[in-house]
């Protein structure tokens, strides 16, 4: 099992004097990856419903500081050598796909192949409106963007003609360091999101409130992979782990379910500070892995 930290671009992690020593310490302790969250802005008032909280609201203040994920990961990449770098998740249809392809390719090149691009379709209509991007058809637009990203990262001259993307007569330079391009980690648990994972995903960024819900989500992915003729073992699963509530004994269940990476929110471990939580989790869990 691989263990990552999320989110690495909010709260105290926005302090550069704290962030770099912290991620270097995490790397030395054996953590495999760090992951970001993304919102360009969160309005003080919004009617859109956040799907992963019973309150319908994001679990932090609209005034919270959030460093742009790709900027944060570039900063971290320059100060580390082994930590993998994940976006968990970036809102794909809000972004210009060619700029995203260039930024991701550049980060992967400079980090020597450590980027994992987690992507979702978004839920906050008010944020789309502030950016000036249509909220409607964001799923359809995302599907096309995913296809176009894979096409442009081959390093060959691209010719992709779709409804939203029309690229031809150029090649991406530098191309990503990873063969096949930056891994696309698709976020979401709706039936449409799961279909997208099976069709396009190198990985799946999945959130469940408990083990029973994870069992349901993973069974749905297995069924969808069977419909599409995809081997689900080709898809790397990254899941949140409520270690504080579920305890070490739940680790074996996640392994049986086929999860390859568990993410820890260090604030949720309820230590006096995140560095203490970082060290305690490493001692109790990471150091005991074979």
C-alpha atoms as a PDB file:
ATOM      1  CA  UNK A   1       0.000   0.000   0.000  1.00  0.00           C
ATOM      2  CA  UNK A   2       1.116   3.535  -0.820  1.00  0.00           C
ATOM      3  CA  UNK A   3       0.302   6.457   1.462  1.00  0.00           C
ATOM      4  CA  UNK A   4      -0.246  10.077   0.483  1.00  0.00           C
ATOM      5  CA  UNK A   5      -1.091  13.363   2.178  1.00  0.00           C
ATOM      6  CA  UNK A   6      -4.052  15.559   1.212  1.00  0.00           C
ATOM      7  CA  UNK A   7      -4.562  18.505   0.907  1.00  0.00           C
ATOM      8  CA  UNK A   8      -1.076  19.977   0.628  1.00  0.00           C
ATOM      9  CA  UNK A   9      -2.060  23.451  -0.645  1.00  0.00           C
ATOM     10  CA  UNK A  10      -4.472  24.748   2.013  1.00  0.00           C
ATOM     11  CA  UNK A  11      -4.185  26.308   5.451  1.00  0.00           C
ATOM     12  CA  UNK A  12      -0.760  26.146   7.055  1.00  0.00           C
ATOM     13  CA  UNK A  13       0.637  24.558   3.891  1.00  0.00           C
ATOM     14  CA  UNK A  14       0.336  27.895   2.100  1.00  0.00           C
ATOM     15  CA  UNK A  15       3.292  29.120   4.207  1.00  0.00           C
ATOM     16  CA  UNK A  16       6.419  28.513   2.087  1.00  0.00           C
ATOM     17  CA  UNK A  17       8.648  28.498   5.166  1.00  0.00           C
ATOM     18  CA  UNK A  18       6.607  25.616   6.571  1.00  0.00           C
ATOM     19  CA  UNK A  19       5.752  23.714   3.384  1.00  0.00           C
ATOM     20  CA  UNK A  20       9.208  22.828   2.080  1.00  0.00           C
ATOM     21  CA  UNK A  21      10.646  21.391   5.332  1.00  0.00           C
ATOM     22  CA  UNK A  22       7.354  19.528   5.821  1.00  0.00           C
ATOM     23  CA  UNK A  23       7.326  17.777   2.435  1.00  0.00           C
ATOM     24  CA  UNK A  24      11.026  16.956   2.726  1.00  0.00           C
ATOM     25  CA  UNK A  25      10.318  15.387   6.110  1.00  0.00           C
ATOM     26  CA  UNK A  26       7.377  13.457   4.634  1.00  0.00           C
ATOM     27  CA  UNK A  27       9.594  12.132   1.863  1.00  0.00           C
ATOM     28  CA  UNK A  28      12.216  11.001   4.383  1.00  0.00           C
ATOM     29  CA  UNK A  29       9.533   9.242   6.455  1.00  0.00           C
ATOM     30  CA  UNK A  30       8.399   7.170   3.489  1.00  0.00           C
ATOM     31  CA  UNK A  31       5.242   8.903   2.315  1.00  0.00           C
ATOM     32  CA  UNK A  32       4.730   8.169  -1.369  1.00  0.00           C
ATOM     33  CA  UNK A  33       2.812  11.237  -2.546  1.00  0.00           C
ATOM     34  CA  UNK A  34       1.220  14.582  -1.786  1.00  0.00           C
ATOM     35  CA  UNK A  35      -2.105  15.739  -3.237  1.00  0.00           C
ATOM     36  CA  UNK A  36      -3.799  19.092  -3.707  1.00  0.00           C
ATOM     37  CA  UNK A  37      -7.363  20.363  -3.769  1.00  0.00           C
ATOM     38  CA  UNK A  38      -8.609  22.936  -6.259  1.00  0.00           C
ATOM     39  CA  UNK A  39     -10.894  25.918  -6.298  1.00  0.00           C
ATOM     40  CA  UNK A  40     -10.004  29.174  -7.997  1.00  0.00           C
ATOM     41  CA  UNK A  41     -12.534  30.938  -5.769  1.00  0.00           C
ATOM     42  CA  UNK A  42     -15.314  29.942  -3.404  1.00  0.00           C
ATOM     43  CA  UNK A  43     -18.063  32.573  -3.136  1.00  0.00           C
ATOM     44  CA  UNK A  44     -19.117  33.591   0.355  1.00  0.00           C
ATOM     45  CA  UNK A  45     -22.633  32.496  -0.622  1.00  0.00           C
ATOM     46  CA  UNK A  46     -23.437  29.724  -3.094  1.00  0.00           C
ATOM     47  CA  UNK A  47     -26.438  27.520  -3.838  1.00  0.00           C
ATOM     48  CA  UNK A  48     -24.502  24.703  -5.544  1.00  0.00           C
ATOM     49  CA  UNK A  49     -24.320  21.508  -3.482  1.00  0.00           C
ATOM     50  CA  UNK A  50     -20.945  20.009  -2.573  1.00  0.00           C
ATOM     51  CA  UNK A  51     -21.544  16.250  -2.997  1.00  0.00           C
ATOM     52  CA  UNK A  52     -19.119  14.882  -0.373  1.00  0.00           C
ATOM     53  CA  UNK A  53     -20.456  16.593   2.745  1.00  0.00           C
ATOM     54  CA  UNK A  54     -23.955  16.166   4.242  1.00  0.00           C
ATOM     55  CA  UNK A  55     -24.078  19.936   4.734  1.00  0.00           C
ATOM     56  CA  UNK A  56     -23.686  20.506   0.997  1.00  0.00           C
ATOM     57  CA  UNK A  57     -20.814  22.885   1.714  1.00  0.00           C
ATOM     58  CA  UNK A  58     -17.056  22.491   1.369  1.00  0.00           C
ATOM     59  CA  UNK A  59     -15.422  21.593   4.710  1.00  0.00           C
ATOM     60  CA  UNK A  60     -13.441  24.830   4.950  1.00  0.00           C
ATOM     61  CA  UNK A  61     -14.171  28.544   4.952  1.00  0.00           C
ATOM     62  CA  UNK A  62     -14.707  30.428   1.675  1.00  0.00           C
ATOM     63  CA  UNK A  63     -11.970  32.755   2.916  1.00  0.00           C
ATOM     64  CA  UNK A  64      -9.434  29.908   3.272  1.00  0.00           C
ATOM     65  CA  UNK A  65      -6.196  30.373   1.389  1.00  0.00           C
ATOM     66  CA  UNK A  66      -5.760  27.888  -1.462  1.00  0.00           C
ATOM     67  CA  UNK A  67      -2.579  27.829  -3.529  1.00  0.00           C
ATOM     68  CA  UNK A  68      -3.125  26.877  -7.158  1.00  0.00           C
ATOM     69  CA  UNK A  69      -2.461  23.120  -7.354  1.00  0.00           C
ATOM     70  CA  UNK A  70      -0.018  23.135 -10.241  1.00  0.00           C
ATOM     71  CA  UNK A  71       1.944  26.014  -8.728  1.00  0.00           C
ATOM     72  CA  UNK A  72       2.079  24.267  -5.344  1.00  0.00           C
ATOM     73  CA  UNK A  73       3.239  20.981  -6.886  1.00  0.00           C
ATOM     74  CA  UNK A  74       5.914  22.720  -8.956  1.00  0.00           C
ATOM     75  CA  UNK A  75       7.212  24.361  -5.774  1.00  0.00           C
ATOM     76  CA  UNK A  76       7.237  21.003  -3.984  1.00  0.00           C
ATOM     77  CA  UNK A  77       8.827  19.188  -6.924  1.00  0.00           C
ATOM     78  CA  UNK A  78      11.815  21.530  -6.857  1.00  0.00           C
ATOM     79  CA  UNK A  79      12.546  20.642  -3.222  1.00  0.00           C
ATOM     80  CA  UNK A  80      12.008  16.856  -3.357  1.00  0.00           C
ATOM     81  CA  UNK A  81      13.266  13.916  -5.389  1.00  0.00           C
ATOM     82  CA  UNK A  82      10.893  10.970  -4.848  1.00  0.00           C
ATOM     83  CA  UNK A  83       7.499  12.260  -3.724  1.00  0.00           C
ATOM     84  CA  UNK A  84       4.845  11.790  -6.365  1.00  0.00           C
ATOM     85  CA  UNK A  85       2.687  14.824  -7.058  1.00  0.00           C
ATOM     86  CA  UNK A  86      -1.082  14.514  -7.422  1.00  0.00           C
ATOM     87  CA  UNK A  87      -3.957  16.898  -8.085  1.00  0.00           C
ATOM     88  CA  UNK A  88      -6.994  15.796  -6.128  1.00  0.00           C
ATOM     89  CA  UNK A  89      -8.743  16.922  -8.200  1.00  0.00           C
ATOM     90  CA  UNK A  90      -8.414  19.755 -10.717  1.00  0.00           C
ATOM     91  CA  UNK A  91     -11.641  20.937 -12.334  1.00  0.00           C
ATOM     92  CA  UNK A  92     -11.077  19.988 -15.947  1.00  0.00           C
ATOM     93  CA  UNK A  93     -13.826  21.840 -17.882  1.00  0.00           C
ATOM     94  CA  UNK A  94     -12.940  25.162 -16.215  1.00  0.00           C
ATOM     95  CA  UNK A  95      -9.486  25.096 -17.799  1.00  0.00           C
ATOM     96  CA  UNK A  96      -8.128  25.734 -21.256  1.00  0.00           C
ATOM     97  CA  UNK A  97      -7.089  22.185 -22.213  1.00  0.00           C
ATOM     98  CA  UNK A  98      -4.033  23.210 -24.226  1.00  0.00           C
ATOM     99  CA  UNK A  99      -2.660  25.289 -21.367  1.00  0.00           C
ATOM    100  CA  UNK A 100      -3.364  22.386 -19.008  1.00  0.00           C
ATOM    101  CA  UNK A 101      -1.571  19.977 -21.339  1.00  0.00           C
ATOM    102  CA  UNK A 102       1.441  22.310 -21.462  1.00  0.00           C
ATOM    103  CA  UNK A 103       1.578  22.923 -17.694  1.00  0.00           C
ATOM    104  CA  UNK A 104       1.224  19.229 -16.866  1.00  0.00           C
ATOM    105  CA  UNK A 105       3.783  18.192 -19.464  1.00  0.00           C
ATOM    106  CA  UNK A 106       6.238  20.790 -18.148  1.00  0.00           C
ATOM    107  CA  UNK A 107       5.828  19.726 -14.513  1.00  0.00           C
ATOM    108  CA  UNK A 108       6.210  16.060 -15.409  1.00  0.00           C
ATOM    109  CA  UNK A 109       9.332  16.830 -17.449  1.00  0.00           C
ATOM    110  CA  UNK A 110      10.967  18.918 -14.703  1.00  0.00           C
ATOM    111  CA  UNK A 111      10.024  16.491 -11.899  1.00  0.00           C
ATOM    112  CA  UNK A 112      11.334  13.520 -13.909  1.00  0.00           C
ATOM    113  CA  UNK A 113       7.974  11.831 -14.209  1.00  0.00           C
ATOM    114  CA  UNK A 114       6.283  12.359 -10.834  1.00  0.00           C
ATOM    115  CA  UNK A 115       2.984  14.029 -11.747  1.00  0.00           C
ATOM    116  CA  UNK A 116      -0.460  12.398 -11.495  1.00  0.00           C
ATOM    117  CA  UNK A 117      -3.233  14.558 -12.920  1.00  0.00           C
ATOM    118  CA  UNK A 118      -6.434  14.073 -10.965  1.00  0.00           C
ATOM    119  CA  UNK A 119      -9.411  15.566 -12.816  1.00  0.00           C
ATOM    120  CA  UNK A 120     -13.109  16.044 -12.182  1.00  0.00           C
ATOM    121  CA  UNK A 121     -15.976  17.869 -13.878  1.00  0.00           C
ATOM    122  CA  UNK A 122     -16.764  20.261 -10.996  1.00  0.00           C
ATOM    123  CA  UNK A 123     -19.896  21.069  -9.044  1.00  0.00           C
ATOM    124  CA  UNK A 124     -19.698  24.790  -8.134  1.00  0.00           C
ATOM    125  CA  UNK A 125     -21.730  26.636 -10.775  1.00  0.00           C
ATOM    126  CA  UNK A 126     -20.866  30.010  -9.271  1.00  0.00           C
ATOM    127  CA  UNK A 127     -17.151  29.372  -9.798  1.00  0.00           C
ATOM    128  CA  UNK A 128     -17.697  28.521 -13.467  1.00  0.00           C
ATOM    129  CA  UNK A 129     -19.653  31.757 -13.870  1.00  0.00           C
ATOM    130  CA  UNK A 130     -16.861  33.801 -12.267  1.00  0.00           C
ATOM    131  CA  UNK A 131     -14.315  32.240 -14.642  1.00  0.00           C
ATOM    132  CA  UNK A 132     -16.587  32.762 -17.635  1.00  0.00           C
ATOM    133  CA  UNK A 133     -16.893  29.085 -18.608  1.00  0.00           C
ATOM    134  CA  UNK A 134     -20.277  27.443 -19.319  1.00  0.00           C
ATOM    135  CA  UNK A 135     -21.465  25.104 -16.584  1.00  0.00           C
ATOM    136  CA  UNK A 136     -23.705  23.236 -19.029  1.00  0.00           C
ATOM    137  CA  UNK A 137     -22.190  20.319 -20.976  1.00  0.00           C
ATOM    138  CA  UNK A 138     -19.189  20.238 -18.653  1.00  0.00           C
ATOM    139  CA  UNK A 139     -19.247  16.431 -18.681  1.00  0.00           C
ATOM    140  CA  UNK A 140     -19.269  16.243 -22.468  1.00  0.00           C
ATOM    141  CA  UNK A 141     -16.525  18.847 -22.638  1.00  0.00           C
ATOM    142  CA  UNK A 142     -14.460  16.926 -20.084  1.00  0.00           C
ATOM    143  CA  UNK A 143     -14.693  13.703 -22.084  1.00  0.00           C
ATOM    144  CA  UNK A 144     -13.339  15.488 -25.134  1.00  0.00           C
ATOM    145  CA  UNK A 145     -10.582  17.201 -23.153  1.00  0.00           C
ATOM    146  CA  UNK A 146      -9.456  13.821 -21.763  1.00  0.00           C
ATOM    147  CA  UNK A 147      -9.175  12.381 -25.251  1.00  0.00           C
ATOM    148  CA  UNK A 148      -7.291  15.448 -26.462  1.00  0.00           C
ATOM    149  CA  UNK A 149      -4.820  15.348 -23.557  1.00  0.00           C
ATOM    150  CA  UNK A 150      -3.922  11.761 -24.351  1.00  0.00           C
ATOM    151  CA  UNK A 151      -3.489  12.648 -28.017  1.00  0.00           C
ATOM    152  CA  UNK A 152      -1.221  15.642 -27.481  1.00  0.00           C
ATOM    153  CA  UNK A 153       1.052  13.906 -24.962  1.00  0.00           C
ATOM    154  CA  UNK A 154       2.191  11.299 -27.488  1.00  0.00           C
ATOM    155  CA  UNK A 155       4.778  13.808 -28.697  1.00  0.00           C
ATOM    156  CA  UNK A 156       3.662  13.257 -32.293  1.00  0.00           C
ATOM    157  CA  UNK A 157       2.005  15.885 -34.448  1.00  0.00           C
ATOM    158  CA  UNK A 158      -1.531  16.151 -33.147  1.00  0.00           C
ATOM    159  CA  UNK A 159      -4.706  16.124 -35.213  1.00  0.00           C
ATOM    160  CA  UNK A 160      -7.691  16.110 -32.885  1.00  0.00           C
ATOM    161  CA  UNK A 161     -10.946  17.511 -34.208  1.00  0.00           C
ATOM    162  CA  UNK A 162     -13.877  17.623 -31.813  1.00  0.00           C
ATOM    163  CA  UNK A 163     -16.746  19.863 -30.824  1.00  0.00           C
ATOM    164  CA  UNK A 164     -14.717  21.810 -28.272  1.00  0.00           C
ATOM    165  CA  UNK A 165     -11.095  21.050 -29.232  1.00  0.00           C
ATOM    166  CA  UNK A 166      -9.573  21.449 -32.686  1.00  0.00           C
ATOM    167  CA  UNK A 167      -5.848  20.840 -32.628  1.00  0.00           C
ATOM    168  CA  UNK A 168      -3.677  20.137 -35.606  1.00  0.00           C
ATOM    169  CA  UNK A 169      -0.228  20.771 -37.017  1.00  0.00           C
ATOM    170  CA  UNK A 170       1.850  20.932 -33.826  1.00  0.00           C
ATOM    171  CA  UNK A 171       3.568  18.697 -31.293  1.00  0.00           C
ATOM    172  CA  UNK A 172       3.835  19.175 -27.523  1.00  0.00           C
ATOM    173  CA  UNK A 173       7.359  20.017 -26.380  1.00  0.00           C
ATOM    174  CA  UNK A 174       8.571  19.060 -23.906  1.00  0.00           C
ATOM    175  CA  UNK A 175       6.511  15.906 -23.816  1.00  0.00           C
ATOM    176  CA  UNK A 176       5.835  14.316 -20.407  1.00  0.00           C
ATOM    177  CA  UNK A 177       8.638  12.234 -18.941  1.00  0.00           C
ATOM    178  CA  UNK A 178       6.299   9.308 -18.266  1.00  0.00           C
ATOM    179  CA  UNK A 179       5.740   6.963 -21.201  1.00  0.00           C
ATOM    180  CA  UNK A 180       2.194   7.402 -22.455  1.00  0.00           C
ATOM    181  CA  UNK A 181       1.868  10.812 -20.861  1.00  0.00           C
ATOM    182  CA  UNK A 182       0.845  12.030 -17.429  1.00  0.00           C
ATOM    183  CA  UNK A 183      -1.467   9.490 -15.719  1.00  0.00           C
ATOM    184  CA  UNK A 184      -5.075  10.678 -15.752  1.00  0.00           C
ATOM    185  CA  UNK A 185      -6.722  10.038 -12.374  1.00  0.00           C
ATOM    186  CA  UNK A 186     -10.466  10.530 -12.746  1.00  0.00           C
ATOM    187  CA  UNK A 187     -12.421  11.746  -9.731  1.00  0.00           C
ATOM    188  CA  UNK A 188     -16.049  11.073  -8.890  1.00  0.00           C
ATOM    189  CA  UNK A 189     -18.433   8.290  -7.885  1.00  0.00           C
ATOM    190  CA  UNK A 190     -21.571   9.014  -9.910  1.00  0.00           C
ATOM    191  CA  UNK A 191     -22.500   6.482 -12.608  1.00  0.00           C
ATOM    192  CA  UNK A 192     -21.290   8.931 -15.274  1.00  0.00           C
ATOM    193  CA  UNK A 193     -17.985   9.487 -13.459  1.00  0.00           C
ATOM    194  CA  UNK A 194     -17.454   5.738 -13.127  1.00  0.00           C
ATOM    195  CA  UNK A 195     -18.084   5.291 -16.854  1.00  0.00           C
ATOM    196  CA  UNK A 196     -15.468   7.998 -17.444  1.00  0.00           C
ATOM    197  CA  UNK A 197     -12.982   6.203 -15.173  1.00  0.00           C
ATOM    198  CA  UNK A 198     -13.406   2.949 -17.057  1.00  0.00           C
ATOM    199  CA  UNK A 199     -13.099   4.631 -20.450  1.00  0.00           C
ATOM    200  CA  UNK A 200     -10.247   7.098 -19.873  1.00  0.00           C
ATOM    201  CA  UNK A 201      -8.710   6.624 -16.463  1.00  0.00           C
ATOM    202  CA  UNK A 202      -5.229   5.478 -15.614  1.00  0.00           C
ATOM    203  CA  UNK A 203      -6.396   5.901 -12.027  1.00  0.00           C
ATOM    204  CA  UNK A 204      -9.492   6.614  -9.942  1.00  0.00           C
ATOM    205  CA  UNK A 205      -9.741   9.190  -7.161  1.00  0.00           C
ATOM    206  CA  UNK A 206     -12.575   7.839  -5.040  1.00  0.00           C
ATOM    207  CA  UNK A 207     -14.174   9.195  -1.873  1.00  0.00           C
ATOM    208  CA  UNK A 208     -16.489   7.171   0.379  1.00  0.00           C
ATOM    209  CA  UNK A 209     -17.869   7.844   3.832  1.00  0.00           C
ATOM    210  CA  UNK A 210     -17.139   4.319   5.084  1.00  0.00           C
ATOM    211  CA  UNK A 211     -15.991   0.884   3.976  1.00  0.00           C
ATOM    212  CA  UNK A 212     -19.470  -0.225   2.936  1.00  0.00           C
ATOM    213  CA  UNK A 213     -19.740   2.750   0.595  1.00  0.00           C
ATOM    214  CA  UNK A 214     -16.306   1.962  -0.849  1.00  0.00           C
ATOM    215  CA  UNK A 215     -17.439  -1.614  -1.497  1.00  0.00           C
ATOM    216  CA  UNK A 216     -20.453  -0.260  -3.395  1.00  0.00           C
ATOM    217  CA  UNK A 217     -18.379   2.169  -5.464  1.00  0.00           C
ATOM    218  CA  UNK A 218     -15.749  -0.438  -6.358  1.00  0.00           C
ATOM    219  CA  UNK A 219     -18.377  -3.000  -7.309  1.00  0.00           C
ATOM    220  CA  UNK A 220     -19.892  -0.383  -9.624  1.00  0.00           C
ATOM    221  CA  UNK A 221     -16.509   0.218 -11.251  1.00  0.00           C
ATOM    222  CA  UNK A 222     -15.941  -3.514 -11.732  1.00  0.00           C
ATOM    223  CA  UNK A 223     -19.345  -3.841 -13.390  1.00  0.00           C
ATOM    224  CA  UNK A 224     -18.664  -0.881 -15.670  1.00  0.00           C
ATOM    225  CA  UNK A 225     -15.246  -2.227 -16.633  1.00  0.00           C
ATOM    226  CA  UNK A 226     -16.884  -5.527 -17.564  1.00  0.00           C
ATOM    227  CA  UNK A 227     -19.354  -3.668 -19.796  1.00  0.00           C
ATOM    228  CA  UNK A 228     -16.540  -1.772 -21.508  1.00  0.00           C
ATOM    229  CA  UNK A 229     -14.125  -4.708 -21.737  1.00  0.00           C
ATOM    230  CA  UNK A 230     -11.601  -3.013 -19.450  1.00  0.00           C
ATOM    231  CA  UNK A 231      -9.512  -4.832 -16.860  1.00  0.00           C
ATOM    232  CA  UNK A 232     -10.155  -2.958 -13.570  1.00  0.00           C
ATOM    233  CA  UNK A 233      -6.707  -3.970 -12.333  1.00  0.00           C
ATOM    234  CA  UNK A 234      -5.265  -1.560 -14.895  1.00  0.00           C
ATOM    235  CA  UNK A 235      -6.831   1.324 -12.945  1.00  0.00           C
ATOM    236  CA  UNK A 236      -4.908   2.486  -9.884  1.00  0.00           C
ATOM    237  CA  UNK A 237      -7.336   3.301  -7.063  1.00  0.00           C
ATOM    238  CA  UNK A 238      -6.611   6.194  -4.719  1.00  0.00           C
ATOM    239  CA  UNK A 239      -8.984   6.515  -1.744  1.00  0.00           C
ATOM    240  CA  UNK A 240      -9.367   8.636   1.368  1.00  0.00           C
ATOM    241  CA  UNK A 241      -8.683   6.738   4.591  1.00  0.00           C
ATOM    242  CA  UNK A 242     -10.413   7.698   7.817  1.00  0.00           C
ATOM    243  CA  UNK A 243      -7.581   6.256   9.873  1.00  0.00           C
ATOM    244  CA  UNK A 244      -8.684   8.021  13.058  1.00  0.00           C
ATOM    245  CA  UNK A 245     -12.145   6.440  12.882  1.00  0.00           C
ATOM    246  CA  UNK A 246     -11.460   3.088  11.209  1.00  0.00           C
ATOM    247  CA  UNK A 247      -8.133   2.110  12.734  1.00  0.00           C
ATOM    248  CA  UNK A 248      -5.245   0.055  11.422  1.00  0.00           C
ATOM    249  CA  UNK A 249      -7.349  -3.102  11.068  1.00  0.00           C
ATOM    250  CA  UNK A 250      -9.240  -1.503   8.162  1.00  0.00           C
ATOM    251  CA  UNK A 251      -6.046  -1.401   6.084  1.00  0.00           C
ATOM    252  CA  UNK A 252      -6.440  -5.077   5.156  1.00  0.00           C
ATOM    253  CA  UNK A 253      -9.983  -4.392   3.917  1.00  0.00           C
ATOM    254  CA  UNK A 254      -8.789  -1.646   1.568  1.00  0.00           C
ATOM    255  CA  UNK A 255      -6.106  -3.983   0.270  1.00  0.00           C
ATOM    256  CA  UNK A 256      -8.707  -6.704  -0.358  1.00  0.00           C
ATOM    257  CA  UNK A 257     -10.842  -4.178  -2.233  1.00  0.00           C
ATOM    258  CA  UNK A 258      -7.929  -3.465  -4.568  1.00  0.00           C
ATOM    259  CA  UNK A 259      -7.094   0.045  -3.365  1.00  0.00           C
ATOM    260  CA  UNK A 260      -3.431   0.791  -4.080  1.00  0.00           C
ATOM    261  CA  UNK A 261      -3.074   4.190  -2.406  1.00  0.00           C
ATOM    262  CA  UNK A 262      -4.642   5.671   0.723  1.00  0.00           C
ATOM    263  CA  UNK A 263      -4.705   9.394   1.390  1.00  0.00           C
ATOM    264  CA  UNK A 264      -4.503  10.875   4.867  1.00  0.00           C
ATOM    265  CA  UNK A 265      -5.825  14.266   5.928  1.00  0.00           C
ATOM    266  CA  UNK A 266      -3.392  14.964   8.748  1.00  0.00           C
ATOM    267  CA  UNK A 267      -5.771  17.443  10.395  1.00  0.00           C
ATOM    268  CA  UNK A 268      -8.288  14.611  10.747  1.00  0.00           C
ATOM    269  CA  UNK A 269      -5.836  12.668  12.935  1.00  0.00           C
ATOM    270  CA  UNK A 270      -6.483  15.270  15.656  1.00  0.00           C
ATOM    271  CA  UNK A 271      -2.940  15.737  16.874  1.00  0.00           C
ATOM    272  CA  UNK A 272      -1.804  19.110  18.160  1.00  0.00           C
ATOM    273  CA  UNK A 273      -0.159  19.942  14.818  1.00  0.00           C
ATOM    274  CA  UNK A 274       0.304  18.401  11.384  1.00  0.00           C
ATOM    275  CA  UNK A 275       3.979  17.584  11.907  1.00  0.00           C
ATOM    276  CA  UNK A 276       3.170  15.511  14.987  1.00  0.00           C
ATOM    277  CA  UNK A 277       0.439  13.745  13.000  1.00  0.00           C
ATOM    278  CA  UNK A 278       2.856  13.181  10.113  1.00  0.00           C
ATOM    279  CA  UNK A 279       5.380  11.493  12.389  1.00  0.00           C
ATOM    280  CA  UNK A 280       2.831   9.462  14.362  1.00  0.00           C
ATOM    281  CA  UNK A 281       1.179   8.026  11.261  1.00  0.00           C
ATOM    282  CA  UNK A 282       4.567   7.186   9.768  1.00  0.00           C
ATOM    283  CA  UNK A 283       5.549   5.370  12.970  1.00  0.00           C
ATOM    284  CA  UNK A 284       2.240   3.530  13.420  1.00  0.00           C
ATOM    285  CA  UNK A 285       1.605   2.587   9.789  1.00  0.00           C
ATOM    286  CA  UNK A 286       4.274   3.317   7.189  1.00  0.00           C
ATOM    287  CA  UNK A 287       7.237   1.948   9.174  1.00  0.00           C
ATOM    288  CA  UNK A 288       5.394  -1.367   9.653  1.00  0.00           C
ATOM    289  CA  UNK A 289       4.777  -2.021   5.960  1.00  0.00           C
ATOM    290  CA  UNK A 290       6.821  -4.783   4.429  1.00  0.00           C
END
